[in-house]
Amino acid sequence: MSIDSSTLEIIACPSCKGKLTYWQSNNELVCRGEQLAYPVEEGIPVLIADKARTVDATELEQVPS
């Protein structure tokens, strides 16, 4: 399941309020600025800091632009 582009336009990283990018292969929303990935569970973004994981530089290169 993917995230609708109109949804991506209105949601933001809860930490820095920056743009999120949908990483389909991992089913996560990624904040490049904070290097955090938020899970998408059953099509619903889980934008809770405790649920986010840190994304390392190697992984960040794989996230689509």
N, C-alpha and C. Protein backbone atom coordinates (compact mmCIF):
# COMPACT_ATOMS: atom_id res chain seq x y z
N MET A 1 0.85 -1.18 0.00
CA MET A 1 0.00 0.00 0.00
C MET A 1 0.89 1.23 0.00
N SER A 2 0.52 2.24 -0.74
CA SER A 2 1.33 3.45 -0.80
C SER A 2 0.61 4.61 -0.14
N ILE A 3 1.35 5.69 0.03
CA ILE A 3 0.81 6.90 0.61
C ILE A 3 0.44 7.85 -0.52
N ASP A 4 -0.74 8.39 -0.48
CA ASP A 4 -1.22 9.33 -1.48
C ASP A 4 -0.37 10.59 -1.49
N SER A 5 -0.08 11.12 -2.68
CA SER A 5 0.77 12.30 -2.78
C SER A 5 0.16 13.52 -2.09
N SER A 6 -1.16 13.62 -2.08
CA SER A 6 -1.80 14.75 -1.38
C SER A 6 -1.61 14.64 0.13
N THR A 7 -1.52 13.43 0.63
CA THR A 7 -1.25 13.22 2.06
C THR A 7 0.16 13.66 2.39
N LEU A 8 1.11 13.33 1.51
CA LEU A 8 2.50 13.72 1.74
C LEU A 8 2.68 15.23 1.76
N GLU A 9 1.81 15.94 1.05
CA GLU A 9 1.91 17.40 1.01
C GLU A 9 1.48 18.05 2.33
N ILE A 10 0.63 17.38 3.10
CA ILE A 10 0.10 18.02 4.31
C ILE A 10 0.71 17.51 5.61
N ILE A 11 1.40 16.36 5.57
CA ILE A 11 2.00 15.87 6.80
C ILE A 11 3.47 16.28 6.86
N ALA A 12 4.00 16.32 8.08
CA ALA A 12 5.39 16.74 8.27
C ALA A 12 6.01 15.92 9.39
N CYS A 13 7.31 15.95 9.45
CA CYS A 13 8.05 15.29 10.51
C CYS A 13 7.64 15.92 11.84
N PRO A 14 7.24 15.12 12.81
CA PRO A 14 6.84 15.69 14.10
C PRO A 14 8.01 16.31 14.86
N SER A 15 9.22 15.93 14.52
CA SER A 15 10.40 16.44 15.22
C SER A 15 10.83 17.82 14.70
N CYS A 16 11.00 17.94 13.38
CA CYS A 16 11.53 19.19 12.82
C CYS A 16 10.53 19.92 11.92
N LYS A 17 9.37 19.32 11.69
CA LYS A 17 8.33 19.88 10.81
C LYS A 17 8.76 19.89 9.35
N GLY A 18 9.78 19.10 9.00
CA GLY A 18 10.27 19.02 7.64
C GLY A 18 9.46 18.06 6.79
N LYS A 19 9.78 18.05 5.51
CA LYS A 19 9.10 17.21 4.52
C LYS A 19 9.44 15.74 4.76
N LEU A 20 8.46 14.89 4.53
CA LEU A 20 8.66 13.44 4.62
C LEU A 20 8.60 12.84 3.23
N THR A 21 9.42 11.82 3.00
CA THR A 21 9.46 11.11 1.73
C THR A 21 9.01 9.68 1.97
N TYR A 22 8.12 9.19 1.11
CA TYR A 22 7.65 7.81 1.25
C TYR A 22 8.67 6.86 0.64
N TRP A 23 9.13 5.92 1.44
CA TRP A 23 10.07 4.89 1.02
C TRP A 23 9.27 3.60 0.88
N GLN A 24 8.81 3.34 -0.31
CA GLN A 24 7.86 2.25 -0.55
C GLN A 24 8.42 0.88 -0.19
N SER A 25 9.67 0.61 -0.54
CA SER A 25 10.22 -0.73 -0.29
C SER A 25 10.30 -1.04 1.21
N ASN A 26 10.40 -0.02 2.05
CA ASN A 26 10.43 -0.23 3.51
C ASN A 26 9.11 0.14 4.17
N ASN A 27 8.18 0.68 3.39
CA ASN A 27 6.90 1.13 3.91
C ASN A 27 7.09 2.08 5.09
N GLU A 28 7.90 3.12 4.85
CA GLU A 28 8.22 4.10 5.88
C GLU A 28 8.18 5.50 5.28
N LEU A 29 7.97 6.47 6.15
CA LEU A 29 8.10 7.88 5.79
C LEU A 29 9.41 8.36 6.38
N VAL A 30 10.27 8.94 5.54
CA VAL A 30 11.61 9.31 5.96
C VAL A 30 11.76 10.82 6.00
N CYS A 31 12.35 11.30 7.09
CA CYS A 31 12.74 12.69 7.23
C CYS A 31 14.25 12.75 7.02
N ARG A 32 14.66 13.36 5.93
CA ARG A 32 16.09 13.44 5.62
C ARG A 32 16.82 14.33 6.63
N GLY A 33 16.21 15.40 7.06
CA GLY A 33 16.84 16.33 7.98
C GLY A 33 17.17 15.70 9.33
N GLU A 34 16.25 14.96 9.87
CA GLU A 34 16.44 14.32 11.18
C GLU A 34 17.00 12.90 11.04
N GLN A 35 17.04 12.39 9.82
CA GLN A 35 17.45 11.01 9.54
C GLN A 35 16.64 10.01 10.36
N LEU A 36 15.32 10.18 10.28
CA LEU A 36 14.39 9.30 10.97
C LEU A 36 13.43 8.68 9.97
N ALA A 37 13.03 7.45 10.26
CA ALA A 37 12.03 6.75 9.44
C ALA A 37 10.85 6.38 10.32
N TYR A 38 9.67 6.80 9.89
CA TYR A 38 8.44 6.52 10.62
C TYR A 38 7.70 5.40 9.89
N PRO A 39 7.21 4.40 10.62
CA PRO A 39 6.51 3.29 9.97
C PRO A 39 5.14 3.70 9.44
N VAL A 40 4.69 2.95 8.45
CA VAL A 40 3.33 3.06 7.94
C VAL A 40 2.69 1.71 8.22
N GLU A 41 1.70 1.71 9.10
CA GLU A 41 1.05 0.46 9.51
C GLU A 41 -0.38 0.44 9.00
N GLU A 42 -0.68 -0.56 8.19
CA GLU A 42 -2.01 -0.73 7.59
C GLU A 42 -2.44 0.54 6.85
N GLY A 43 -1.47 1.18 6.17
CA GLY A 43 -1.75 2.36 5.38
C GLY A 43 -1.82 3.65 6.16
N ILE A 44 -1.55 3.59 7.47
CA ILE A 44 -1.63 4.77 8.32
C ILE A 44 -0.24 5.16 8.81
N PRO A 45 0.21 6.39 8.52
CA PRO A 45 1.52 6.83 9.02
C PRO A 45 1.50 6.92 10.55
N VAL A 46 2.52 6.35 11.17
CA VAL A 46 2.66 6.39 12.62
C VAL A 46 3.72 7.44 12.93
N LEU A 47 3.28 8.67 13.12
CA LEU A 47 4.21 9.78 13.31
C LEU A 47 4.43 10.04 14.80
N ILE A 48 4.96 9.03 15.46
CA ILE A 48 5.27 9.09 16.89
C ILE A 48 6.77 8.89 17.04
N ALA A 49 7.41 9.81 17.72
CA ALA A 49 8.87 9.78 17.85
C ALA A 49 9.38 8.45 18.40
N ASP A 50 8.68 7.87 19.35
CA ASP A 50 9.11 6.59 19.94
C ASP A 50 9.05 5.43 18.95
N LYS A 51 8.27 5.56 17.92
CA LYS A 51 8.15 4.51 16.90
C LYS A 51 9.15 4.68 15.75
N ALA A 52 9.76 5.87 15.65
CA ALA A 52 10.71 6.14 14.57
C ALA A 52 12.02 5.42 14.80
N ARG A 53 12.71 5.15 13.71
CA ARG A 53 14.04 4.56 13.81
C ARG A 53 15.02 5.46 13.09
N THR A 54 16.27 5.41 13.50
CA THR A 54 17.32 6.21 12.88
C THR A 54 17.74 5.56 11.57
N VAL A 55 17.91 6.40 10.55
CA VAL A 55 18.34 5.94 9.23
C VAL A 55 19.79 6.35 9.05
N ASP A 56 20.66 5.38 8.75
CA ASP A 56 22.07 5.73 8.55
C ASP A 56 22.30 6.28 7.14
N ALA A 57 23.47 6.82 6.92
CA ALA A 57 23.80 7.48 5.65
C ALA A 57 23.64 6.55 4.45
N THR A 58 24.03 5.29 4.59
CA THR A 58 23.92 4.33 3.50
C THR A 58 22.46 4.11 3.11
N GLU A 59 21.60 3.97 4.12
CA GLU A 59 20.18 3.79 3.86
C GLU A 59 19.57 5.05 3.25
N LEU A 60 19.98 6.19 3.76
CA LEU A 60 19.45 7.46 3.28
C LEU A 60 19.68 7.65 1.79
N GLU A 61 20.78 7.13 1.28
CA GLU A 61 21.07 7.21 -0.15
C GLU A 61 20.08 6.40 -0.98
N GLN A 62 19.45 5.40 -0.38
CA GLN A 62 18.50 4.54 -1.07
C GLN A 62 17.10 5.09 -1.11
N VAL A 63 16.82 6.08 -0.28
CA VAL A 63 15.48 6.68 -0.21
C VAL A 63 15.25 7.50 -1.48
N PRO A 64 14.11 7.27 -2.15
CA PRO A 64 13.84 8.04 -3.37
C PRO A 64 13.74 9.53 -3.09
N SER A 65 14.03 10.32 -4.09
CA SER A 65 13.97 11.78 -3.94
C SER A 65 12.55 12.28 -4.00
